[in-house]
Amino acid sequence: MIFSRKRADAGRHTRDERATEVLDEGGAAAALVRGPYDISEVDDEVQRLDLGSLHIPAVAEVEVRVQADPQGVIQQVVLVHGDNALQLGVFAAPRSEGIWDEVREEIRQSLLRDGASAQEVDGEYGTELHAQVRTPDGPTNLRFVGVDGPRWMVRGVFQGPAATDSASSGPLAECLEGLVVDRGQEAKPVREPLPLRLPREMADQVEDASSEPRQV
């Protein structure tokens, strides 16, 4: 079952690599770090959709689409704004180092084996992977972004105009920058997807829909 909610409310990638320079109140340069953030780093009043391991900020006109099973376990999360889409995934990583460099190379090799084009490009979050794949609707551009955090990695895949022009990412980039990861303390194998679940009220809707008798 696919559940959709439209939000109408407003190398190795470390924190230093994700910092941009701004001016503080005294006019001195200061580092502004953009997310995704670890839940231990966040103490704000931003409204976010709690999907378990991922907390997605409410950004105007961004639709959150999740595909979940009857138990409310999420298999896929896609954010949509206009012609652009951003698919999100979050995975366990070791405490000592990030895994995006290795994961990115595996994705690149897999794309090349399938006959797609793929090249590494320096982007806002470090090294990205830009690819063009063949689909029934014709060639489709994809932009893979990876962010290593403390014991987790977020992977985002942009589609649409944002796949070739990061400046057109707009609200989807805002969602990525405001994303919060709740890794939890449980030990998990490296690269295992972190658990994602529907909020209780959404899960109840899914359960009710699956229990309704079907007409034949």
N, C-alpha and C. Protein backbone atom coordinates (compact mmCIF):
# COMPACT_ATOMS: atom_id res chain seq x y z
N MET A 1 0.84 -1.20 0.00
CA MET A 1 0.00 0.00 0.00
C MET A 1 0.88 1.24 0.00
N ILE A 2 0.50 2.22 -0.77
CA ILE A 2 1.22 3.49 -0.83
C ILE A 2 0.42 4.54 -0.09
N PHE A 3 1.05 5.19 0.86
CA PHE A 3 0.42 6.27 1.62
C PHE A 3 1.07 7.57 1.23
N SER A 4 0.28 8.57 0.98
CA SER A 4 0.82 9.86 0.54
C SER A 4 0.31 10.97 1.43
N ARG A 5 1.22 11.83 1.85
CA ARG A 5 0.82 13.01 2.63
C ARG A 5 1.50 14.23 2.03
N LYS A 6 0.73 15.27 1.78
CA LYS A 6 1.29 16.51 1.25
C LYS A 6 1.53 17.48 2.39
N ARG A 7 2.76 17.97 2.48
CA ARG A 7 3.13 18.86 3.56
C ARG A 7 2.86 20.30 3.12
N ALA A 8 1.85 20.88 3.64
CA ALA A 8 1.52 22.26 3.25
C ALA A 8 2.10 23.26 4.24
N ASP A 9 2.64 22.78 5.37
CA ASP A 9 3.29 23.64 6.35
C ASP A 9 4.75 23.85 5.96
N ALA A 10 4.63 25.19 6.53
CA ALA A 10 5.99 25.52 6.22
C ALA A 10 7.12 24.62 6.91
N GLY A 11 34.33 12.05 -1.21
CA GLY A 11 35.17 11.30 -0.26
C GLY A 11 34.35 10.93 0.92
N ARG A 12 34.60 11.19 2.16
CA ARG A 12 33.90 10.90 3.36
C ARG A 12 33.34 12.22 3.82
N HIS A 13 32.07 12.25 4.12
CA HIS A 13 31.43 13.55 4.29
C HIS A 13 31.19 13.82 5.76
N THR A 14 32.05 14.58 6.37
CA THR A 14 31.98 14.89 7.78
C THR A 14 31.23 16.19 7.99
N ARG A 15 31.04 16.56 9.26
CA ARG A 15 30.37 17.82 9.56
C ARG A 15 31.12 19.01 8.95
N ASP A 16 32.45 18.99 9.01
CA ASP A 16 33.22 20.09 8.47
C ASP A 16 32.96 20.26 6.98
N GLU A 17 32.82 19.14 6.26
CA GLU A 17 32.63 19.22 4.81
C GLU A 17 31.24 19.72 4.46
N ARG A 18 30.31 19.66 5.41
CA ARG A 18 28.95 20.12 5.14
C ARG A 18 28.70 21.51 5.70
N ALA A 19 29.75 22.17 6.15
CA ALA A 19 29.60 23.51 6.73
C ALA A 19 29.79 24.57 5.65
N THR A 20 28.97 25.61 5.72
CA THR A 20 29.14 26.75 4.85
C THR A 20 29.42 27.97 5.73
N GLU A 21 30.07 28.96 5.16
CA GLU A 21 30.49 30.12 5.96
C GLU A 21 29.44 31.21 5.90
N VAL A 22 29.05 31.69 7.07
CA VAL A 22 28.10 32.81 7.17
C VAL A 22 28.69 33.82 8.14
N LEU A 23 28.03 34.96 8.29
CA LEU A 23 28.49 35.98 9.22
C LEU A 23 27.61 35.97 10.46
N ASP A 24 28.26 35.99 11.62
CA ASP A 24 27.48 36.05 12.85
C ASP A 24 27.06 37.49 13.13
N GLU A 25 26.43 37.73 14.27
CA GLU A 25 25.90 39.05 14.58
C GLU A 25 27.01 40.10 14.65
N GLY A 26 28.22 39.69 14.99
CA GLY A 26 29.32 40.63 15.08
C GLY A 26 30.06 40.82 13.77
N GLY A 27 29.58 40.15 12.70
CA GLY A 27 30.21 40.29 11.40
C GLY A 27 31.36 39.33 11.18
N ALA A 28 31.64 38.46 12.14
CA ALA A 28 32.73 37.50 11.99
C ALA A 28 32.21 36.25 11.28
N ALA A 29 33.12 35.56 10.61
CA ALA A 29 32.74 34.34 9.89
C ALA A 29 32.41 33.24 10.89
N ALA A 30 31.34 32.52 10.60
CA ALA A 30 30.94 31.41 11.45
C ALA A 30 30.48 30.26 10.56
N ALA A 31 30.62 29.04 11.06
CA ALA A 31 30.24 27.86 10.27
C ALA A 31 28.78 27.53 10.50
N LEU A 32 28.04 27.39 9.43
CA LEU A 32 26.64 26.96 9.50
C LEU A 32 26.58 25.55 8.94
N VAL A 33 26.25 24.59 9.78
CA VAL A 33 26.24 23.20 9.36
C VAL A 33 24.82 22.82 8.95
N ARG A 34 24.69 22.26 7.78
CA ARG A 34 23.37 21.81 7.32
C ARG A 34 23.25 20.30 7.51
N GLY A 35 22.02 19.85 7.65
CA GLY A 35 21.77 18.44 7.85
C GLY A 35 21.92 17.66 6.55
N PRO A 36 21.64 16.37 6.66
CA PRO A 36 20.96 15.67 7.73
C PRO A 36 21.71 15.70 9.07
N TYR A 37 20.92 15.72 10.14
CA TYR A 37 21.46 15.78 11.49
C TYR A 37 21.21 14.47 12.22
N ASP A 38 22.06 14.19 13.20
CA ASP A 38 21.76 13.13 14.14
C ASP A 38 20.78 13.68 15.17
N ILE A 39 19.92 12.82 15.68
CA ILE A 39 18.91 13.30 16.63
C ILE A 39 19.53 13.90 17.87
N SER A 40 20.75 13.49 18.20
CA SER A 40 21.43 14.04 19.38
C SER A 40 21.85 15.50 19.17
N GLU A 41 21.84 15.97 17.91
CA GLU A 41 22.29 17.32 17.60
C GLU A 41 21.14 18.32 17.51
N VAL A 42 19.91 17.83 17.57
CA VAL A 42 18.77 18.68 17.26
C VAL A 42 18.00 19.05 18.51
N ASP A 43 17.76 20.33 18.66
CA ASP A 43 16.92 20.86 19.73
C ASP A 43 16.21 22.07 19.17
N ASP A 44 15.22 21.84 18.34
CA ASP A 44 14.49 22.94 17.71
C ASP A 44 13.00 22.63 17.72
N GLU A 45 12.23 23.53 17.15
CA GLU A 45 10.78 23.36 17.12
C GLU A 45 10.27 23.14 15.70
N VAL A 46 11.14 22.65 14.84
CA VAL A 46 10.74 22.37 13.46
C VAL A 46 9.76 21.20 13.44
N GLN A 47 8.67 21.36 12.73
CA GLN A 47 7.70 20.28 12.60
C GLN A 47 8.24 19.23 11.64
N ARG A 48 8.28 17.98 12.09
CA ARG A 48 8.81 16.90 11.27
C ARG A 48 7.87 15.70 11.32
N LEU A 49 7.82 14.97 10.22
CA LEU A 49 7.07 13.72 10.15
C LEU A 49 7.96 12.61 10.67
N ASP A 50 7.54 11.95 11.76
CA ASP A 50 8.35 10.92 12.42
C ASP A 50 8.09 9.57 11.77
N LEU A 51 9.09 9.08 11.02
CA LEU A 51 9.00 7.77 10.39
C LEU A 51 9.94 6.77 11.05
N GLY A 52 10.24 6.99 12.31
CA GLY A 52 11.14 6.09 13.01
C GLY A 52 12.57 6.56 12.91
N SER A 53 13.33 5.95 12.03
CA SER A 53 14.74 6.33 11.88
C SER A 53 14.91 7.65 11.14
N LEU A 54 13.91 8.07 10.39
CA LEU A 54 13.97 9.34 9.66
C LEU A 54 12.86 10.26 10.14
N HIS A 55 13.23 11.51 10.41
CA HIS A 55 12.26 12.55 10.74
C HIS A 55 12.36 13.60 9.63
N ILE A 56 11.29 13.74 8.86
CA ILE A 56 11.31 14.58 7.66
C ILE A 56 10.65 15.92 7.95
N PRO A 57 11.35 17.03 7.71
CA PRO A 57 10.77 18.34 8.02
C PRO A 57 9.60 18.67 7.11
N ALA A 58 8.64 19.39 7.67
CA ALA A 58 7.49 19.85 6.89
C ALA A 58 7.93 21.04 6.06
N VAL A 59 7.87 20.89 4.74
CA VAL A 59 8.23 21.97 3.83
C VAL A 59 7.05 22.19 2.88
N ALA A 60 6.68 23.44 2.69
CA ALA A 60 5.50 23.78 1.90
C ALA A 60 5.54 23.14 0.53
N GLU A 61 4.41 22.51 0.16
CA GLU A 61 4.17 21.94 -1.16
C GLU A 61 5.03 20.71 -1.47
N VAL A 62 5.68 20.15 -0.47
CA VAL A 62 6.41 18.89 -0.67
C VAL A 62 5.51 17.74 -0.21
N GLU A 63 5.30 16.79 -1.11
CA GLU A 63 4.47 15.63 -0.81
C GLU A 63 5.36 14.47 -0.38
N VAL A 64 5.02 13.85 0.75
CA VAL A 64 5.76 12.70 1.25
C VAL A 64 5.00 11.43 0.89
N ARG A 65 5.61 10.61 0.06
CA ARG A 65 4.98 9.35 -0.35
C ARG A 65 5.75 8.19 0.25
N VAL A 66 5.05 7.33 0.95
CA VAL A 66 5.70 6.17 1.53
C VAL A 66 4.97 4.91 1.08
N GLN A 67 5.73 3.87 0.83
CA GLN A 67 5.17 2.57 0.49
C GLN A 67 5.39 1.66 1.69
N ALA A 68 4.29 1.17 2.26
CA ALA A 68 4.38 0.39 3.49
C ALA A 68 3.57 -0.90 3.36
N ASP A 69 3.97 -1.91 4.17
CA ASP A 69 3.23 -3.16 4.20
C ASP A 69 2.07 -3.04 5.18
N PRO A 70 1.21 -4.06 5.28
CA PRO A 70 0.05 -3.97 6.16
C PRO A 70 0.41 -3.76 7.63
N GLN A 71 1.63 -4.09 8.03
CA GLN A 71 2.06 -3.89 9.41
C GLN A 71 2.61 -2.48 9.65
N GLY A 72 2.65 -1.66 8.61
CA GLY A 72 3.13 -0.30 8.75
C GLY A 72 4.62 -0.15 8.56
N VAL A 73 5.31 -1.22 8.18
CA VAL A 73 6.75 -1.15 7.93
C VAL A 73 6.98 -0.54 6.54
N ILE A 74 7.81 0.48 6.48
CA ILE A 74 8.01 1.23 5.24
C ILE A 74 9.13 0.62 4.41
N GLN A 75 8.87 0.42 3.12
CA GLN A 75 9.89 -0.06 2.20
C GLN A 75 10.51 1.07 1.38
N GLN A 76 9.78 2.17 1.21
CA GLN A 76 10.28 3.24 0.33
C GLN A 76 9.71 4.57 0.76
N VAL A 77 10.57 5.60 0.71
CA VAL A 77 10.16 6.97 1.02
C VAL A 77 10.57 7.86 -0.15
N VAL A 78 9.63 8.58 -0.72
CA VAL A 78 9.91 9.49 -1.83
C VAL A 78 9.25 10.83 -1.55
N LEU A 79 10.02 11.90 -1.67
CA LEU A 79 9.49 13.25 -1.55
C LEU A 79 9.30 13.82 -2.94
N VAL A 80 8.18 14.50 -3.17
CA VAL A 80 7.85 15.00 -4.50
C VAL A 80 7.51 16.48 -4.42
N HIS A 81 8.09 17.24 -5.34
CA HIS A 81 7.74 18.66 -5.49
C HIS A 81 7.77 18.99 -6.96
N GLY A 82 6.61 19.26 -7.53
CA GLY A 82 6.54 19.55 -8.96
C GLY A 82 7.05 18.38 -9.78
N ASP A 83 8.00 18.66 -10.67
CA ASP A 83 8.56 17.62 -11.53
C ASP A 83 9.75 16.91 -10.88
N ASN A 84 10.10 17.30 -9.66
CA ASN A 84 11.27 16.72 -8.99
C ASN A 84 10.85 15.71 -7.93
N ALA A 85 11.71 14.72 -7.72
CA ALA A 85 11.49 13.72 -6.68
C ALA A 85 12.81 13.42 -5.99
N LEU A 86 12.72 13.05 -4.71
CA LEU A 86 13.89 12.68 -3.93
C LEU A 86 13.56 11.42 -3.16
N GLN A 87 14.22 10.31 -3.52
CA GLN A 87 14.05 9.07 -2.78
C GLN A 87 15.08 9.02 -1.66
N LEU A 88 14.63 8.64 -0.46
CA LEU A 88 15.50 8.64 0.71
C LEU A 88 15.69 7.24 1.27
N GLY A 89 16.90 6.95 1.71
CA GLY A 89 17.20 5.72 2.41
C GLY A 89 18.20 6.01 3.51
N VAL A 90 18.15 5.25 4.60
CA VAL A 90 19.08 5.45 5.71
C VAL A 90 19.59 4.09 6.15
N PHE A 91 20.91 3.99 6.39
CA PHE A 91 21.56 2.71 6.61
C PHE A 91 22.51 2.77 7.80
N ALA A 92 22.72 1.63 8.43
CA ALA A 92 23.67 1.54 9.53
C ALA A 92 25.09 1.64 9.00
N ALA A 93 25.95 2.27 9.78
CA ALA A 93 27.36 2.43 9.41
C ALA A 93 28.21 2.21 10.65
N PRO A 94 29.50 1.91 10.47
CA PRO A 94 30.37 1.71 11.63
C PRO A 94 30.64 3.01 12.36
N ARG A 95 31.04 2.89 13.60
CA ARG A 95 31.32 4.06 14.42
C ARG A 95 32.56 4.80 13.93
N SER A 96 33.53 4.06 13.37
CA SER A 96 34.85 4.63 13.09
C SER A 96 34.95 5.37 11.77
N GLU A 97 34.11 5.04 10.78
CA GLU A 97 34.28 5.65 9.46
C GLU A 97 32.97 5.64 8.69
N GLY A 98 32.93 6.49 7.63
CA GLY A 98 31.76 6.54 6.76
C GLY A 98 31.83 5.46 5.68
N ILE A 99 30.71 5.25 5.01
CA ILE A 99 30.64 4.19 4.00
C ILE A 99 30.20 4.70 2.62
N TRP A 100 29.93 6.02 2.49
CA TRP A 100 29.42 6.53 1.22
C TRP A 100 30.39 6.30 0.08
N ASP A 101 31.68 6.46 0.31
CA ASP A 101 32.66 6.26 -0.77
C ASP A 101 32.54 4.85 -1.35
N GLU A 102 32.45 3.85 -0.47
CA GLU A 102 32.35 2.47 -0.94
C GLU A 102 31.00 2.20 -1.60
N VAL A 103 29.94 2.69 -0.98
CA VAL A 103 28.60 2.48 -1.53
C VAL A 103 28.47 3.14 -2.90
N ARG A 104 29.00 4.35 -3.01
CA ARG A 104 28.92 5.07 -4.28
C ARG A 104 29.62 4.31 -5.41
N GLU A 105 30.78 3.74 -5.11
CA GLU A 105 31.51 2.98 -6.13
C GLU A 105 30.75 1.72 -6.52
N GLU A 106 30.10 1.08 -5.56
CA GLU A 106 29.30 -0.11 -5.89
C GLU A 106 28.11 0.26 -6.77
N ILE A 107 27.47 1.39 -6.46
CA ILE A 107 26.36 1.85 -7.31
C ILE A 107 26.86 2.15 -8.71
N ARG A 108 28.00 2.81 -8.81
CA ARG A 108 28.57 3.17 -10.12
C ARG A 108 28.85 1.91 -10.95
N GLN A 109 29.48 0.92 -10.33
CA GLN A 109 29.79 -0.31 -11.05
C GLN A 109 28.53 -1.04 -11.49
N SER A 110 27.52 -1.04 -10.64
CA SER A 110 26.26 -1.69 -10.98
C SER A 110 25.58 -0.99 -12.16
N LEU A 111 25.61 0.33 -12.16
CA LEU A 111 25.02 1.08 -13.27
C LEU A 111 25.76 0.80 -14.58
N LEU A 112 27.08 0.77 -14.50
CA LEU A 112 27.86 0.51 -15.71
C LEU A 112 27.59 -0.89 -16.26
N ARG A 113 27.44 -1.87 -15.37
CA ARG A 113 27.14 -3.23 -15.82
C ARG A 113 25.79 -3.30 -16.52
N ASP A 114 24.87 -2.42 -16.11
CA ASP A 114 23.55 -2.40 -16.73
C ASP A 114 23.50 -1.53 -17.99
N GLY A 115 24.65 -1.01 -18.39
CA GLY A 115 24.72 -0.22 -19.60
C GLY A 115 24.38 1.24 -19.42
N ALA A 116 24.27 1.70 -18.17
CA ALA A 116 23.97 3.11 -17.92
C ALA A 116 25.27 3.91 -17.86
N SER A 117 25.16 5.19 -18.07
CA SER A 117 26.32 6.07 -17.91
C SER A 117 26.34 6.58 -16.48
N ALA A 118 27.54 6.75 -15.92
CA ALA A 118 27.66 7.21 -14.53
C ALA A 118 28.99 7.92 -14.36
N GLN A 119 28.95 9.07 -13.72
CA GLN A 119 30.19 9.80 -13.45
C GLN A 119 30.11 10.50 -12.10
N GLU A 120 31.25 10.63 -11.45
CA GLU A 120 31.33 11.29 -10.16
C GLU A 120 31.49 12.79 -10.38
N VAL A 121 30.77 13.56 -9.56
CA VAL A 121 30.77 15.02 -9.67
C VAL A 121 30.88 15.61 -8.27
N ASP A 122 31.65 16.66 -8.13
CA ASP A 122 31.78 17.33 -6.84
C ASP A 122 30.54 18.18 -6.59
N GLY A 123 29.84 17.91 -5.49
CA GLY A 123 28.61 18.62 -5.19
C GLY A 123 28.63 19.24 -3.80
N GLU A 124 27.47 19.72 -3.37
CA GLU A 124 27.37 20.42 -2.08
C GLU A 124 27.69 19.50 -0.91
N TYR A 125 27.44 18.22 -1.05
CA TYR A 125 27.69 17.27 0.03
C TYR A 125 28.94 16.44 -0.20
N GLY A 126 29.79 16.90 -1.10
CA GLY A 126 30.98 16.12 -1.44
C GLY A 126 30.78 15.46 -2.79
N THR A 127 31.30 14.27 -2.96
CA THR A 127 31.23 13.59 -4.25
C THR A 127 29.86 12.97 -4.46
N GLU A 128 29.21 13.36 -5.54
CA GLU A 128 27.93 12.80 -5.94
C GLU A 128 28.13 11.87 -7.12
N LEU A 129 27.10 11.12 -7.44
CA LEU A 129 27.12 10.26 -8.62
C LEU A 129 25.98 10.66 -9.53
N HIS A 130 26.31 11.08 -10.76
CA HIS A 130 25.31 11.44 -11.74
C HIS A 130 25.21 10.33 -12.77
N ALA A 131 23.99 9.90 -13.06
CA ALA A 131 23.79 8.76 -13.97
C ALA A 131 22.61 9.01 -14.90
N GLN A 132 22.64 8.31 -16.01
CA GLN A 132 21.50 8.29 -16.92
C GLN A 132 21.15 6.84 -17.21
N VAL A 133 19.91 6.46 -16.92
CA VAL A 133 19.48 5.08 -17.09
C VAL A 133 18.37 5.02 -18.12
N ARG A 134 18.22 3.85 -18.70
CA ARG A 134 17.15 3.63 -19.68
C ARG A 134 15.91 3.11 -18.98
N THR A 135 14.77 3.71 -19.28
CA THR A 135 13.49 3.29 -18.73
C THR A 135 12.49 3.14 -19.87
N PRO A 136 11.34 2.52 -19.62
CA PRO A 136 10.32 2.43 -20.67
C PRO A 136 9.88 3.78 -21.21
N ASP A 137 10.05 4.83 -20.40
CA ASP A 137 9.66 6.18 -20.83
C ASP A 137 10.82 6.93 -21.49
N GLY A 138 11.97 6.26 -21.65
CA GLY A 138 13.12 6.91 -22.25
C GLY A 138 14.23 7.13 -21.23
N PRO A 139 15.31 7.82 -21.63
CA PRO A 139 16.42 8.07 -20.71
C PRO A 139 15.98 8.88 -19.50
N THR A 140 16.47 8.48 -18.33
CA THR A 140 16.14 9.17 -17.08
C THR A 140 17.42 9.51 -16.34
N ASN A 141 17.53 10.77 -15.91
CA ASN A 141 18.70 11.20 -15.16
C ASN A 141 18.49 11.00 -13.67
N LEU A 142 19.55 10.58 -12.99
CA LEU A 142 19.53 10.37 -11.54
C LEU A 142 20.74 11.05 -10.92
N ARG A 143 20.57 11.58 -9.74
CA ARG A 143 21.69 12.17 -9.00
C ARG A 143 21.71 11.56 -7.60
N PHE A 144 22.77 10.80 -7.31
CA PHE A 144 22.92 10.12 -6.03
C PHE A 144 23.75 10.98 -5.08
N VAL A 145 23.21 11.24 -3.90
CA VAL A 145 23.90 12.02 -2.87
C VAL A 145 24.01 11.16 -1.62
N GLY A 146 25.17 11.17 -0.98
CA GLY A 146 25.36 10.41 0.24
C GLY A 146 25.91 11.28 1.35
N VAL A 147 25.40 11.08 2.56
CA VAL A 147 25.86 11.83 3.72
C VAL A 147 26.16 10.85 4.85
N ASP A 148 27.41 10.84 5.31
CA ASP A 148 27.81 9.99 6.43
C ASP A 148 27.61 10.73 7.73
N GLY A 149 26.93 10.10 8.67
CA GLY A 149 26.75 10.65 10.01
C GLY A 149 27.31 9.70 11.05
N PRO A 150 27.06 9.94 12.32
CA PRO A 150 27.55 9.06 13.38
C PRO A 150 26.80 7.72 13.38
N ARG A 151 27.43 6.71 12.82
CA ARG A 151 26.89 5.35 12.76
C ARG A 151 25.71 5.22 11.81
N TRP A 152 25.57 6.14 10.87
CA TRP A 152 24.53 6.03 9.86
C TRP A 152 24.97 6.71 8.57
N MET A 153 24.28 6.37 7.49
CA MET A 153 24.48 7.03 6.20
C MET A 153 23.12 7.26 5.56
N VAL A 154 22.90 8.47 5.09
CA VAL A 154 21.69 8.80 4.34
C VAL A 154 22.04 8.82 2.85
N ARG A 155 21.23 8.14 2.07
CA ARG A 155 21.39 8.18 0.61
C ARG A 155 20.14 8.83 0.01
N GLY A 156 20.37 9.83 -0.83
CA GLY A 156 19.28 10.47 -1.53
C GLY A 156 19.46 10.32 -3.03
N VAL A 157 18.37 10.10 -3.75
CA VAL A 157 18.41 9.98 -5.20
C VAL A 157 17.43 10.99 -5.79
N PHE A 158 17.98 12.01 -6.45
CA PHE A 158 17.16 13.03 -7.09
C PHE A 158 16.77 12.60 -8.50
N GLN A 159 15.53 12.88 -8.86
CA GLN A 159 15.04 12.66 -10.21
C GLN A 159 14.36 13.93 -10.70
N GLY A 160 14.23 14.05 -12.02
CA GLY A 160 13.65 15.25 -12.59
C GLY A 160 14.72 16.28 -12.87
N PRO A 161 14.35 17.55 -13.08
CA PRO A 161 15.34 18.60 -13.35
C PRO A 161 16.42 18.69 -12.27
N ALA A 162 16.09 18.35 -11.02
CA ALA A 162 17.06 18.42 -9.92
C ALA A 162 18.18 17.40 -10.07
N ALA A 163 18.00 16.42 -10.95
CA ALA A 163 19.04 15.41 -11.15
C ALA A 163 20.23 15.96 -11.92
N THR A 164 20.00 16.99 -12.71
CA THR A 164 21.09 17.58 -13.49
C THR A 164 21.41 19.01 -13.07
N ASP A 165 20.52 19.63 -12.31
CA ASP A 165 20.73 21.01 -11.87
C ASP A 165 20.37 21.10 -10.39
N SER A 166 21.37 21.08 -9.52
CA SER A 166 21.11 21.09 -8.08
C SER A 166 20.39 22.37 -7.65
N ALA A 167 20.56 23.44 -8.40
CA ALA A 167 19.91 24.71 -8.04
C ALA A 167 18.39 24.61 -8.14
N SER A 168 17.89 23.63 -8.91
CA SER A 168 16.45 23.48 -9.07
C SER A 168 15.85 22.53 -8.02
N SER A 169 16.69 22.05 -7.08
CA SER A 169 16.19 21.13 -6.06
C SER A 169 15.22 21.81 -5.12
N GLY A 170 15.46 23.10 -4.86
CA GLY A 170 14.53 23.92 -4.07
C GLY A 170 14.07 23.29 -2.78
N PRO A 171 12.75 23.10 -2.63
CA PRO A 171 12.20 22.57 -1.38
C PRO A 171 12.70 21.17 -1.04
N LEU A 172 13.06 20.36 -2.04
CA LEU A 172 13.57 19.02 -1.74
C LEU A 172 14.93 19.11 -1.07
N ALA A 173 15.77 20.05 -1.51
CA ALA A 173 17.05 20.27 -0.85
C ALA A 173 16.83 20.74 0.57
N GLU A 174 15.80 21.55 0.78
CA GLU A 174 15.47 22.02 2.13
C GLU A 174 15.07 20.85 3.03
N CYS A 175 14.35 19.88 2.47
CA CYS A 175 13.98 18.69 3.24
C CYS A 175 15.22 17.89 3.62
N LEU A 176 16.14 17.73 2.68
CA LEU A 176 17.35 16.98 2.96
C LEU A 176 18.19 17.68 4.02
N GLU A 177 18.27 18.98 3.93
CA GLU A 177 19.07 19.75 4.89
C GLU A 177 18.46 19.75 6.29
N GLY A 178 17.16 19.55 6.39
CA GLY A 178 16.51 19.54 7.69
C GLY A 178 16.21 18.15 8.21
N LEU A 179 16.66 17.13 7.50
CA LEU A 179 16.40 15.75 7.87
C LEU A 179 17.10 15.40 9.19
N VAL A 180 16.42 14.59 10.00
CA VAL A 180 17.00 14.13 11.27
C VAL A 180 16.98 12.60 11.28
N VAL A 181 18.10 12.01 11.69
CA VAL A 181 18.23 10.56 11.76
C VAL A 181 18.24 10.12 13.22
N ASP A 182 17.36 9.17 13.54
CA ASP A 182 17.33 8.55 14.88
C ASP A 182 17.88 7.13 14.73
N ARG A 183 19.18 7.01 14.91
CA ARG A 183 19.87 5.74 14.69
C ARG A 183 19.51 4.69 15.73
N GLY A 184 19.22 5.11 16.95
CA GLY A 184 19.00 4.15 18.03
C GLY A 184 20.32 3.58 18.51
N GLN A 185 20.28 2.81 19.58
CA GLN A 185 21.49 2.27 20.18
C GLN A 185 21.73 0.80 19.84
N GLU A 186 20.77 0.17 19.19
CA GLU A 186 20.89 -1.26 18.89
C GLU A 186 21.99 -1.51 17.86
N ALA A 187 22.79 -2.55 18.11
CA ALA A 187 23.83 -2.92 17.15
C ALA A 187 23.19 -3.49 15.89
N LYS A 188 23.69 -3.04 14.74
CA LYS A 188 23.15 -3.49 13.46
C LYS A 188 24.29 -3.76 12.48
N PRO A 189 24.12 -4.71 11.58
CA PRO A 189 25.14 -4.94 10.56
C PRO A 189 25.33 -3.70 9.69
N VAL A 190 26.57 -3.44 9.31
CA VAL A 190 26.87 -2.30 8.45
C VAL A 190 26.08 -2.42 7.15
N ARG A 191 25.48 -1.32 6.73
CA ARG A 191 24.69 -1.15 5.51
C ARG A 191 23.27 -1.69 5.63
N GLU A 192 22.91 -2.22 6.77
CA GLU A 192 21.53 -2.67 6.93
C GLU A 192 20.61 -1.45 6.98
N PRO A 193 19.50 -1.47 6.24
CA PRO A 193 18.57 -0.33 6.30
C PRO A 193 18.05 -0.15 7.72
N LEU A 194 18.04 1.08 8.19
CA LEU A 194 17.48 1.35 9.50
C LEU A 194 15.95 1.30 9.41
N PRO A 195 15.29 0.84 10.47
CA PRO A 195 13.84 0.60 10.39
C PRO A 195 13.05 1.89 10.23
N LEU A 196 12.09 1.85 9.34
CA LEU A 196 11.18 2.96 9.09
C LEU A 196 9.76 2.47 9.30
N ARG A 197 8.97 3.24 10.05
CA ARG A 197 7.60 2.85 10.32
C ARG A 197 6.68 4.07 10.19
N LEU A 198 5.44 3.77 9.81
CA LEU A 198 4.44 4.83 9.74
C LEU A 198 4.11 5.33 11.14
N PRO A 199 3.78 6.61 11.29
CA PRO A 199 3.24 7.08 12.56
C PRO A 199 1.99 6.29 12.92
N ARG A 200 1.67 6.22 14.20
CA ARG A 200 0.59 5.36 14.67
C ARG A 200 -0.72 5.61 13.92
N GLU A 201 -1.08 6.88 13.72
CA GLU A 201 -2.37 7.16 13.08
C GLU A 201 -2.40 6.70 11.63
N MET A 202 -1.25 6.79 10.94
CA MET A 202 -1.19 6.31 9.56
C MET A 202 -1.22 4.78 9.52
N ALA A 203 -0.50 4.15 10.44
CA ALA A 203 -0.48 2.69 10.49
C ALA A 203 -1.88 2.14 10.74
N ASP A 204 -2.65 2.84 11.58
CA ASP A 204 -4.02 2.41 11.84
C ASP A 204 -4.85 2.48 10.57
N GLN A 205 -4.64 3.52 9.76
CA GLN A 205 -5.37 3.63 8.51
C GLN A 205 -5.03 2.48 7.58
N VAL A 206 -3.74 2.13 7.51
CA VAL A 206 -3.31 1.02 6.66
C VAL A 206 -3.93 -0.28 7.13
N GLU A 207 -3.91 -0.49 8.46
CA GLU A 207 -4.46 -1.72 9.02
C GLU A 207 -5.95 -1.83 8.76
N ASP A 208 -6.66 -0.72 8.92
CA ASP A 208 -8.10 -0.73 8.68
C ASP A 208 -8.41 -1.02 7.22
N ALA A 209 -7.60 -0.42 6.31
CA ALA A 209 -7.83 -0.63 4.88
C ALA A 209 -7.58 -2.08 4.50
N SER A 210 -6.55 -2.70 5.09
CA SER A 210 -6.21 -4.08 4.74
C SER A 210 -7.21 -5.08 5.30
N SER A 211 -7.93 -4.68 6.37
CA SER A 211 -8.88 -5.59 7.01
C SER A 211 -10.29 -5.49 6.41
N GLU A 212 -10.52 -4.48 5.57
CA GLU A 212 -11.84 -4.32 4.95
C GLU A 212 -12.08 -5.44 3.95
N PRO A 213 -13.28 -5.98 3.94
CA PRO A 213 -13.59 -7.05 2.97
C PRO A 213 -13.51 -6.52 1.54
N ARG A 214 -12.97 -7.32 0.67
CA ARG A 214 -12.84 -6.93 -0.73
C ARG A 214 -14.02 -7.43 -1.54
N GLN A 215 -14.49 -6.60 -2.43
CA GLN A 215 -15.58 -7.00 -3.31
C GLN A 215 -15.03 -7.77 -4.50
N VAL A 216 -15.74 -8.83 -4.86
CA VAL A 216 -15.31 -9.64 -6.01
C VAL A 216 -16.45 -9.73 -7.01
